[in-house]
Amino acid sequence: MRLSRFSFLACALLAVLGLGFAAKAADEAKIQALIITGDDVGPHEWKKTTPVMKEILDKSGKFDVTVVEGFSILDKKEDLQKYGVILWMLFNAKKVPISDAAKENLVAFVKDGKGIVFNHFASGSFPQWPEWVEMCGRYWGKGSGHNKRVPFEVKVVAKDDPIMKGIENFKTDDELYAALVGDAKIKVLAEADSDFSHKTEPMVWTIDYGKGRVLHHTFGHDAKAFATPEVQKIIVRGCQWAATGKVTE
């Protein structure tokens, strides 16, 4: 009887330990994602949109998300090493200077095989920094703009791309960014017709940058803009792709 009781307790202990190891392995398997936020123009309420972005990633079960305000984390290369993808939600409205070390570390982060995702107005942060402009592919610059925020149709043009696969044309309530600046080679995944530029404008695109990957989407004026299910799916898939080069969903 004592042996049986001992065996039962031993099995129970092993089961608990096994669950603990499994949980730890699951956490370690998650993609480490870094959200950089903390500054923007007044209409872009980053204190409201940042938690929504974190929630979207958390709910997917694929990411372990860290949020920082400001980009001083870029100053030390070792502080970036654990992350697989950076989500840049910040527009540098206060024109805070970015150090040469931060520039070098961010470029190396992507070029060496990791990923970055640009959100909405983020592209206008450093228009005079050539590598930034190159990574963004298109950026908010002179002549860029949008009409009054209204629901509009987003047309999926790269239906076989793993980020867009299974997503049909959809409507979203957001700002339709137009006349972004740049001529880098980009792969357009989705687009929309603008009343501001009277042209068809890219809404989502990707870029291969060195060994790394860039996803750029123009969604995200406010929390309501992130409520569109297709936008959430693009963000989750795009962040996974930027970090790993694959989409498992």
Protein backbone atom coordinates (compact mmCIF):
# COMPACT_ATOMS: atom_id res chain seq x y z
CA MET A 1 0.00 0.00 0.00
CA ARG A 2 2.80 2.41 0.86
CA LEU A 3 4.53 1.66 -2.41
CA SER A 4 1.33 2.30 -4.32
CA ARG A 5 0.80 5.58 -2.50
CA PHE A 6 4.40 6.58 -3.20
CA SER A 7 4.03 5.65 -6.85
CA PHE A 8 0.87 7.73 -7.09
CA LEU A 9 2.56 10.76 -5.54
CA ALA A 10 5.59 10.33 -7.77
CA CYS A 11 3.42 10.17 -10.87
CA ALA A 12 1.46 13.21 -9.74
CA LEU A 13 4.69 15.15 -9.16
CA LEU A 14 6.03 14.17 -12.58
CA ALA A 15 2.77 15.25 -14.18
CA VAL A 16 2.95 18.66 -12.51
CA LEU A 17 6.58 19.05 -13.52
CA GLY A 18 5.71 17.97 -17.03
CA LEU A 19 3.01 20.60 -17.28
CA GLY A 20 5.43 23.21 -15.99
CA PHE A 21 8.06 22.26 -18.53
CA ALA A 22 5.46 22.24 -21.31
CA ALA A 23 4.22 25.69 -20.32
CA LYS A 24 7.77 27.01 -20.21
CA ALA A 25 8.52 25.49 -23.63
CA ALA A 26 5.35 27.07 -25.03
CA ASP A 27 6.37 30.49 -23.69
CA GLU A 28 9.87 30.10 -25.10
CA ALA A 29 8.39 29.17 -28.49
CA LYS A 30 6.46 32.44 -28.65
CA ILE A 31 7.87 35.20 -30.80
CA GLN A 32 9.37 38.00 -28.74
CA ALA A 33 7.76 41.19 -30.06
CA LEU A 34 8.78 44.74 -29.14
CA ILE A 35 6.25 47.56 -29.57
CA ILE A 36 7.87 51.01 -29.77
CA THR A 37 5.34 53.73 -29.00
CA GLY A 38 4.98 56.90 -26.93
CA ASP A 39 4.67 59.85 -29.30
CA ASP A 40 2.37 60.93 -32.13
CA VAL A 41 0.21 63.79 -33.34
CA GLY A 42 -2.81 64.64 -31.21
CA PRO A 43 -5.52 62.86 -33.26
CA HIS A 44 -3.54 59.60 -32.99
CA GLU A 45 -4.20 58.57 -29.40
CA TRP A 46 -1.28 56.23 -28.90
CA LYS A 47 -2.21 55.60 -25.26
CA LYS A 48 -5.39 53.96 -26.55
CA THR A 49 -4.11 52.27 -29.71
CA THR A 50 -1.03 50.70 -28.11
CA PRO A 51 -2.99 48.47 -25.68
CA VAL A 52 -5.25 47.43 -28.57
CA MET A 53 -2.24 46.39 -30.65
CA LYS A 54 -0.81 44.44 -27.72
CA GLU A 55 -4.16 42.72 -27.17
CA ILE A 56 -4.37 41.70 -30.84
CA LEU A 57 -0.97 40.03 -30.63
CA ASP A 58 -1.60 38.50 -27.20
CA LYS A 59 -4.91 36.95 -28.30
CA SER A 60 -3.19 35.21 -31.21
CA GLY A 61 -1.14 33.16 -28.76
CA LYS A 62 1.92 33.55 -30.98
CA PHE A 63 3.71 36.43 -29.27
CA ASP A 64 5.23 37.53 -26.00
CA VAL A 65 4.87 41.32 -26.21
CA THR A 66 6.99 44.02 -24.60
CA VAL A 67 5.94 47.68 -24.84
CA VAL A 68 8.38 50.59 -24.50
CA GLU A 69 7.87 54.33 -24.81
CA GLY A 70 10.47 56.07 -26.92
CA PHE A 71 13.25 54.52 -28.96
CA SER A 72 16.20 54.77 -26.54
CA ILE A 73 16.09 50.96 -26.33
CA LEU A 74 17.78 50.97 -29.72
CA ASP A 75 20.92 52.55 -28.30
CA LYS A 76 22.22 49.21 -26.98
CA LYS A 77 22.39 46.34 -29.44
CA GLU A 78 22.25 43.73 -26.68
CA ASP A 79 18.85 45.06 -25.55
CA LEU A 80 17.38 44.03 -28.91
CA GLN A 81 18.84 40.56 -29.22
CA LYS A 82 15.96 38.60 -27.69
CA TYR A 83 13.33 40.12 -30.00
CA GLY A 84 12.24 38.67 -33.31
CA VAL A 85 10.19 41.62 -34.51
CA ILE A 86 9.81 45.33 -33.75
CA LEU A 87 6.42 47.00 -34.21
CA TRP A 88 7.00 50.70 -34.74
CA MET A 89 3.83 52.54 -33.65
CA LEU A 90 5.54 55.81 -32.81
CA PHE A 91 5.51 58.95 -34.93
CA ASN A 92 8.33 61.19 -33.77
CA ALA A 93 6.16 64.30 -33.36
CA LYS A 94 8.52 65.84 -30.81
CA LYS A 95 11.45 65.43 -33.23
CA VAL A 96 13.61 63.64 -30.68
CA PRO A 97 17.05 63.05 -32.24
CA ILE A 98 17.94 59.44 -32.88
CA SER A 99 21.52 58.48 -32.11
CA ASP A 100 23.93 57.04 -34.65
CA ALA A 101 24.16 53.90 -32.51
CA ALA A 102 20.37 53.50 -32.56
CA LYS A 103 20.30 53.88 -36.33
CA GLU A 104 23.07 51.32 -36.77
CA ASN A 105 21.45 48.86 -34.36
CA LEU A 106 18.00 49.07 -35.96
CA VAL A 107 19.36 48.58 -39.47
CA ALA A 108 21.48 45.64 -38.32
CA PHE A 109 18.50 44.14 -36.47
CA VAL A 110 16.57 43.84 -39.71
CA LYS A 111 19.41 43.22 -42.14
CA ASP A 112 20.75 40.37 -40.01
CA GLY A 113 17.52 38.42 -40.35
CA LYS A 114 14.79 39.79 -38.09
CA GLY A 115 11.74 41.91 -38.85
CA ILE A 116 10.10 45.29 -38.46
CA VAL A 117 6.46 46.32 -38.88
CA PHE A 118 5.52 49.94 -39.56
CA ASN A 119 2.10 51.11 -38.43
CA HIS A 120 0.05 54.00 -39.88
CA PHE A 121 1.92 57.31 -39.38
CA ALA A 122 5.20 55.76 -38.20
CA SER A 123 6.86 56.14 -41.60
CA GLY A 124 7.10 59.91 -41.21
CA SER A 125 9.36 59.72 -38.15
CA PHE A 126 12.73 60.16 -39.86
CA PRO A 127 12.30 61.36 -43.47
CA GLN A 128 15.93 62.56 -43.66
CA TRP A 129 17.41 59.18 -42.67
CA PRO A 130 18.11 57.25 -45.92
CA GLU A 131 18.02 53.75 -44.40
CA TRP A 132 14.72 54.52 -42.67
CA VAL A 133 13.17 55.64 -45.94
CA GLU A 134 14.53 52.53 -47.65
CA MET A 135 13.08 50.22 -44.99
CA CYS A 136 9.69 51.92 -45.09
CA GLY A 137 9.50 51.62 -48.86
CA ARG A 138 6.97 54.45 -48.87
CA TYR A 139 6.85 57.16 -46.23
CA TRP A 140 4.74 60.14 -45.20
CA GLY A 141 6.45 63.15 -46.73
CA LYS A 142 5.86 66.30 -48.73
CA GLY A 143 2.54 66.06 -50.56
CA SER A 144 1.24 63.08 -48.59
CA GLY A 145 -2.26 63.29 -47.18
CA HIS A 146 -5.74 61.86 -46.87
CA ASN A 147 -9.34 62.93 -47.18
CA LYS A 148 -11.79 62.97 -44.28
CA ARG A 149 -11.79 59.67 -42.45
CA VAL A 150 -14.61 57.47 -43.84
CA PRO A 151 -15.11 53.73 -44.38
CA PHE A 152 -13.42 52.57 -47.58
CA GLU A 153 -12.83 49.34 -49.46
CA VAL A 154 -9.46 47.61 -49.32
CA LYS A 155 -8.71 45.44 -52.33
CA VAL A 156 -6.51 42.37 -51.86
CA VAL A 157 -4.08 42.11 -54.79
CA ALA A 158 -1.66 39.41 -53.59
CA LYS A 159 -4.17 36.70 -52.78
CA ASP A 160 -1.60 33.90 -52.76
CA ASP A 161 0.76 35.65 -50.37
CA PRO A 162 0.70 33.83 -47.01
CA ILE A 163 -0.14 37.07 -45.18
CA MET A 164 -3.24 37.65 -47.33
CA LYS A 165 -4.30 34.11 -48.21
CA GLY A 166 -8.03 33.60 -47.67
CA ILE A 167 -8.67 37.30 -47.03
CA GLU A 168 -11.17 38.83 -49.44
CA ASN A 169 -11.69 42.50 -50.22
CA PHE A 170 -12.97 44.24 -47.11
CA LYS A 171 -14.14 47.59 -45.74
CA THR A 172 -12.45 49.38 -42.90
CA ASP A 173 -13.13 52.64 -41.06
CA ASP A 174 -9.83 54.49 -41.10
CA GLU A 175 -7.77 57.17 -42.79
CA LEU A 176 -6.83 56.27 -46.36
CA TYR A 177 -3.24 57.43 -46.68
CA ALA A 178 -2.25 58.66 -50.13
CA ALA A 179 0.68 60.10 -52.06
CA LEU A 180 3.29 58.54 -49.79
CA VAL A 181 6.81 59.22 -50.99
CA GLY A 182 9.34 56.72 -52.33
CA ASP A 183 10.25 54.54 -55.27
CA ALA A 184 11.76 51.47 -53.58
CA LYS A 185 10.72 48.09 -54.90
CA ILE A 186 7.82 46.88 -52.76
CA LYS A 187 5.41 43.97 -52.97
CA VAL A 188 1.92 45.40 -52.67
CA LEU A 189 -0.46 43.08 -50.83
CA ALA A 190 -3.51 45.33 -50.62
CA GLU A 191 -4.55 48.70 -52.04
CA ALA A 192 -7.39 51.23 -52.10
CA ASP A 193 -8.69 53.99 -54.36
CA SER A 194 -8.05 57.46 -52.94
CA ASP A 195 -10.22 60.52 -53.41
CA PHE A 196 -7.26 62.60 -52.20
CA SER A 197 -4.76 61.56 -54.88
CA HIS A 198 -7.28 60.14 -57.37
CA LYS A 199 -5.00 57.13 -57.61
CA THR A 200 -4.92 53.57 -56.34
CA GLU A 201 -2.70 53.61 -53.26
CA PRO A 202 -0.85 50.77 -51.48
CA MET A 203 -2.30 49.94 -48.06
CA VAL A 204 -0.15 46.92 -47.16
CA TRP A 205 3.22 45.96 -48.58
CA THR A 206 6.34 43.96 -47.81
CA ILE A 207 10.03 44.44 -48.45
CA ASP A 208 12.99 42.10 -48.18
CA TYR A 209 15.73 44.04 -46.40
CA GLY A 210 19.06 42.27 -46.23
CA LYS A 211 18.29 38.93 -44.60
CA GLY A 212 15.29 40.43 -42.81
CA ARG A 213 11.74 41.37 -43.63
CA VAL A 214 9.58 44.48 -43.48
CA LEU A 215 5.79 44.69 -43.31
CA HIS A 216 4.27 48.15 -43.74
CA HIS A 217 0.56 48.82 -43.29
CA THR A 218 -1.19 52.18 -43.19
CA PHE A 219 -4.05 51.20 -40.86
CA GLY A 220 -4.41 52.40 -37.29
CA HIS A 221 -5.72 55.95 -36.95
CA ASP A 222 -7.44 55.03 -33.68
CA ALA A 223 -8.68 52.07 -31.66
CA LYS A 224 -11.78 51.78 -33.85
CA ALA A 225 -9.59 51.34 -36.92
CA PHE A 226 -8.10 48.20 -35.36
CA ALA A 227 -11.53 46.63 -34.88
CA THR A 228 -11.69 45.37 -38.47
CA PRO A 229 -11.09 41.58 -38.33
CA GLU A 230 -9.13 41.55 -41.58
CA VAL A 231 -6.81 44.26 -40.28
CA GLN A 232 -6.16 42.24 -37.14
CA LYS A 233 -5.42 39.15 -39.20
CA ILE A 234 -2.98 41.06 -41.42
CA ILE A 235 -1.18 42.40 -38.34
CA VAL A 236 -0.83 38.99 -36.68
CA ARG A 237 0.26 37.24 -39.86
CA GLY A 238 2.51 40.11 -40.88
CA CYS A 239 4.30 40.20 -37.55
CA GLN A 240 4.88 36.47 -37.63
CA TRP A 241 6.16 36.67 -41.19
CA ALA A 242 8.44 39.60 -40.37
CA ALA A 243 9.93 37.69 -37.45
CA THR A 244 10.26 34.24 -39.03
CA GLY A 245 9.60 34.41 -42.76
CA LYS A 246 6.62 32.07 -42.30
CA VAL A 247 2.91 32.26 -41.57
CA THR A 248 1.45 29.30 -39.71
CA GLU A 249 -2.17 30.42 -39.46
